[in-house]
Amino acid sequence: MTPVADSDTERFVERAKSRDSEAYGELVARYGGLVHGVCLSMVNAGDAEDLAHDAFVEAWIKLPTLRRDELFGPWLRTVTVNVCRMWHRKRHRELEILDDVRHEIDDPLDDGEERLDALLGGLSRLSSHHQLALALRYWEGLSYEEIAAFLGVAPGTVMSRLHRARSALKEKGEDHVSRRR
């Protein structure tokens, strides 16, 4: 249930738009249940609190764009739903990327959780150039040419960095398998 917008709420919204953090704190207190409830309806309880916080941060940033103060509740609900949707998209994309990278390195680990741990451990040990190349390619879905333009290097350099990064991940995965045996 959305809290009813009253004249006090509208005054708090007006003050918060002027970057009055105390007024915004009052809005957070009034609408915290709504935001948390929306998050719980879209994600698990463990992530709902973090996403509720993210929704309030996003609302604070976007608050100056709210045109009608009396519509704060519905507007905040929309912001919250969008934060949760973006979280789902990002999570889905990250899982797809990890799966793509795992297939590219042909990791022979049997247990999915161990495979993921080995992959993440391997990623953390790569150079920042290799991590960035992988992130731009798999997380952002950029082409070699787009990555090259972003990094200010030749497309061949991007291809080389990606190849070396995948090779290093594959090697780290094989090291992990040999240590398990």
Protein backbone atom coordinates (compact mmCIF):
# COMPACT_ATOMS: atom_id res chain seq x y z
CA MET A 1 0.00 0.00 0.00
CA THR A 2 1.39 3.39 -1.00
CA PRO A 3 1.49 6.01 1.73
CA VAL A 4 -0.98 8.78 0.97
CA ALA A 5 0.65 11.98 -0.23
CA ASP A 6 -0.41 14.77 2.07
CA SER A 7 0.65 18.38 2.31
CA ASP A 8 3.49 17.39 4.68
CA THR A 9 4.79 14.86 2.15
CA GLU A 10 4.64 17.44 -0.61
CA ARG A 11 6.58 19.92 1.54
CA PHE A 12 9.21 17.26 2.28
CA VAL A 13 9.48 16.51 -1.43
CA GLU A 14 9.86 20.19 -2.25
CA ARG A 15 12.57 20.62 0.39
CA ALA A 16 14.32 17.40 -0.69
CA LYS A 17 14.40 18.66 -4.28
CA SER A 18 16.43 21.55 -2.91
CA ARG A 19 18.87 18.92 -1.55
CA ASP A 20 17.61 19.06 2.06
CA SER A 21 18.83 15.67 3.33
CA GLU A 22 16.72 15.83 6.51
CA ALA A 23 13.56 16.23 4.46
CA TYR A 24 14.64 13.32 2.27
CA GLY A 25 15.29 11.26 5.41
CA GLU A 26 11.66 11.84 6.38
CA LEU A 27 10.55 10.62 2.96
CA VAL A 28 12.73 7.53 3.35
CA ALA A 29 11.09 6.85 6.71
CA ARG A 30 7.59 7.31 5.28
CA TYR A 31 8.15 5.26 2.12
CA GLY A 32 10.66 2.68 3.35
CA GLY A 33 8.01 -0.02 3.69
CA LEU A 34 6.73 0.57 0.17
CA VAL A 35 10.19 0.43 -1.38
CA HIS A 36 11.25 -2.63 0.59
CA GLY A 37 7.97 -4.38 -0.28
CA VAL A 38 8.43 -3.73 -3.99
CA CYS A 39 11.98 -5.08 -3.79
CA LEU A 40 10.82 -8.19 -1.90
CA SER A 41 8.26 -8.86 -4.61
CA MET A 42 11.00 -8.87 -7.24
CA VAL A 43 14.11 -10.35 -5.56
CA ASN A 44 15.06 -12.59 -2.66
CA ALA A 45 15.09 -11.23 0.89
CA GLY A 46 18.88 -11.13 0.99
CA ASP A 47 19.07 -8.73 -1.94
CA ALA A 48 15.91 -6.72 -1.19
CA GLU A 49 17.51 -4.54 1.47
CA ASP A 50 20.46 -3.62 -0.74
CA LEU A 51 18.17 -2.85 -3.67
CA ALA A 52 15.86 -0.76 -1.48
CA HIS A 53 18.89 1.30 -0.49
CA ASP A 54 19.91 1.57 -4.15
CA ALA A 55 16.39 2.69 -5.07
CA PHE A 56 16.47 5.49 -2.50
CA VAL A 57 19.90 6.59 -3.75
CA GLU A 58 18.63 6.57 -7.34
CA ALA A 59 15.52 8.51 -6.29
CA TRP A 60 17.67 11.11 -4.50
CA ILE A 61 19.72 11.57 -7.67
CA LYS A 62 16.65 11.82 -9.91
CA LEU A 63 14.41 13.75 -7.51
CA PRO A 64 14.90 17.09 -9.29
CA THR A 65 13.25 15.55 -12.37
CA LEU A 66 9.97 14.88 -10.49
CA ARG A 67 7.48 17.37 -11.90
CA ARG A 68 4.50 16.85 -9.61
CA ASP A 69 5.38 16.54 -5.93
CA GLU A 70 2.04 14.91 -5.12
CA LEU A 71 3.03 11.94 -7.33
CA PHE A 72 6.13 11.13 -5.30
CA GLY A 73 4.80 7.70 -4.16
CA PRO A 74 4.01 6.32 -7.64
CA TRP A 75 7.20 7.89 -9.02
CA LEU A 76 9.27 6.26 -6.26
CA ARG A 77 7.62 2.89 -6.96
CA THR A 78 8.60 3.21 -10.64
CA VAL A 79 12.19 4.10 -9.71
CA THR A 80 12.31 1.07 -7.40
CA VAL A 81 10.93 -1.31 -10.03
CA ASN A 82 13.48 0.00 -12.54
CA VAL A 83 16.36 -0.50 -10.08
CA CYS A 84 15.24 -4.11 -9.52
CA ARG A 85 14.86 -4.73 -13.25
CA MET A 86 18.33 -3.37 -13.94
CA TRP A 87 19.72 -5.61 -11.18
CA HIS A 88 18.07 -8.64 -12.82
CA ARG A 89 19.44 -7.68 -16.24
CA LYS A 90 22.94 -7.15 -14.88
CA ARG A 91 22.86 -10.42 -12.96
CA HIS A 92 21.56 -12.33 -15.98
CA ARG A 93 24.23 -10.74 -18.20
CA GLU A 94 26.99 -11.60 -15.69
CA LEU A 95 25.86 -15.23 -15.55
CA GLU A 96 25.79 -15.43 -19.35
CA ILE A 97 29.24 -13.88 -19.55
CA LEU A 98 30.69 -16.28 -16.99
CA ASP A 99 29.16 -19.14 -18.94
CA ASP A 100 30.59 -17.80 -22.23
CA VAL A 101 34.06 -17.38 -20.74
CA ARG A 102 33.85 -20.82 -19.15
CA HIS A 103 33.00 -22.37 -22.53
CA GLU A 104 35.78 -20.46 -24.28
CA ILE A 105 38.42 -21.71 -21.87
CA ASP A 106 36.91 -25.22 -21.95
CA ASP A 107 37.31 -25.57 -18.20
CA PRO A 108 37.22 -29.28 -17.27
CA LEU A 109 36.07 -28.79 -13.66
CA ASP A 110 33.11 -30.96 -12.73
CA ASP A 111 31.48 -28.97 -9.94
CA GLY A 112 29.84 -25.73 -11.09
CA GLU A 113 30.57 -23.88 -7.85
CA GLU A 114 34.25 -24.88 -7.91
CA ARG A 115 34.40 -23.90 -11.57
CA LEU A 116 32.97 -20.48 -10.78
CA ASP A 117 35.38 -20.01 -7.86
CA ALA A 118 38.32 -20.97 -10.07
CA LEU A 119 37.14 -18.66 -12.84
CA LEU A 120 36.67 -15.69 -10.51
CA GLY A 121 40.01 -16.40 -8.87
CA GLY A 122 41.64 -16.52 -12.26
CA LEU A 123 40.02 -13.24 -13.30
CA SER A 124 41.31 -11.51 -10.19
CA ARG A 125 44.89 -12.56 -11.02
CA LEU A 126 44.83 -11.13 -14.56
CA SER A 127 46.45 -7.81 -15.36
CA SER A 128 44.19 -4.77 -15.44
CA HIS A 129 44.59 -4.60 -19.26
CA HIS A 130 43.33 -8.16 -19.63
CA GLN A 131 40.51 -7.70 -17.11
CA LEU A 132 39.35 -4.55 -18.89
CA ALA A 133 39.46 -6.20 -22.31
CA LEU A 134 37.39 -9.15 -21.03
CA ALA A 135 34.91 -6.84 -19.28
CA LEU A 136 34.38 -4.70 -22.36
CA ARG A 137 33.98 -7.73 -24.60
CA TYR A 138 31.80 -9.94 -22.41
CA TRP A 139 30.13 -7.65 -19.87
CA GLU A 140 29.51 -4.76 -22.23
CA GLY A 141 29.27 -6.79 -25.44
CA LEU A 142 31.52 -4.44 -27.42
CA SER A 143 33.10 -5.43 -30.72
CA TYR A 144 36.87 -5.53 -31.17
CA GLU A 145 36.71 -2.22 -33.01
CA GLU A 146 34.63 -0.57 -30.28
CA ILE A 147 37.02 -1.81 -27.59
CA ALA A 148 39.99 -0.56 -29.62
CA ALA A 149 38.41 2.88 -29.98
CA PHE A 150 37.58 3.00 -26.27
CA LEU A 151 41.09 1.97 -25.21
CA GLY A 152 42.88 3.94 -27.91
CA VAL A 153 44.69 0.88 -29.26
CA ALA A 154 44.66 -1.09 -32.50
CA PRO A 155 42.03 -3.84 -32.95
CA GLY A 156 44.89 -6.36 -33.18
CA THR A 157 46.00 -5.34 -29.70
CA VAL A 158 42.50 -6.01 -28.42
CA MET A 159 42.46 -9.42 -30.06
CA SER A 160 45.85 -10.20 -28.55
CA ARG A 161 44.80 -9.10 -25.06
CA LEU A 162 41.62 -11.18 -25.23
CA HIS A 163 43.50 -14.22 -26.47
CA ARG A 164 46.10 -13.92 -23.71
CA ALA A 165 43.43 -13.37 -21.07
CA ARG A 166 41.47 -16.45 -22.17
CA SER A 167 44.67 -18.50 -22.31
CA ALA A 168 45.63 -17.37 -18.81
CA LEU A 169 42.18 -18.27 -17.50
CA LYS A 170 42.36 -21.69 -19.14
CA GLU A 171 45.81 -22.27 -17.64
CA LYS A 172 44.62 -21.22 -14.18
CA GLY A 173 41.65 -23.58 -14.53
CA GLU A 174 43.97 -26.47 -15.46
CA ASP A 175 46.21 -25.60 -12.50
CA HIS A 176 43.16 -25.78 -10.25
CA VAL A 177 42.21 -29.20 -11.65
CA SER A 178 45.71 -30.61 -11.20
CA ARG A 179 45.80 -29.38 -7.60
CA ARG A 180 42.45 -31.12 -6.91
CA ARG A 181 43.71 -34.49 -8.15
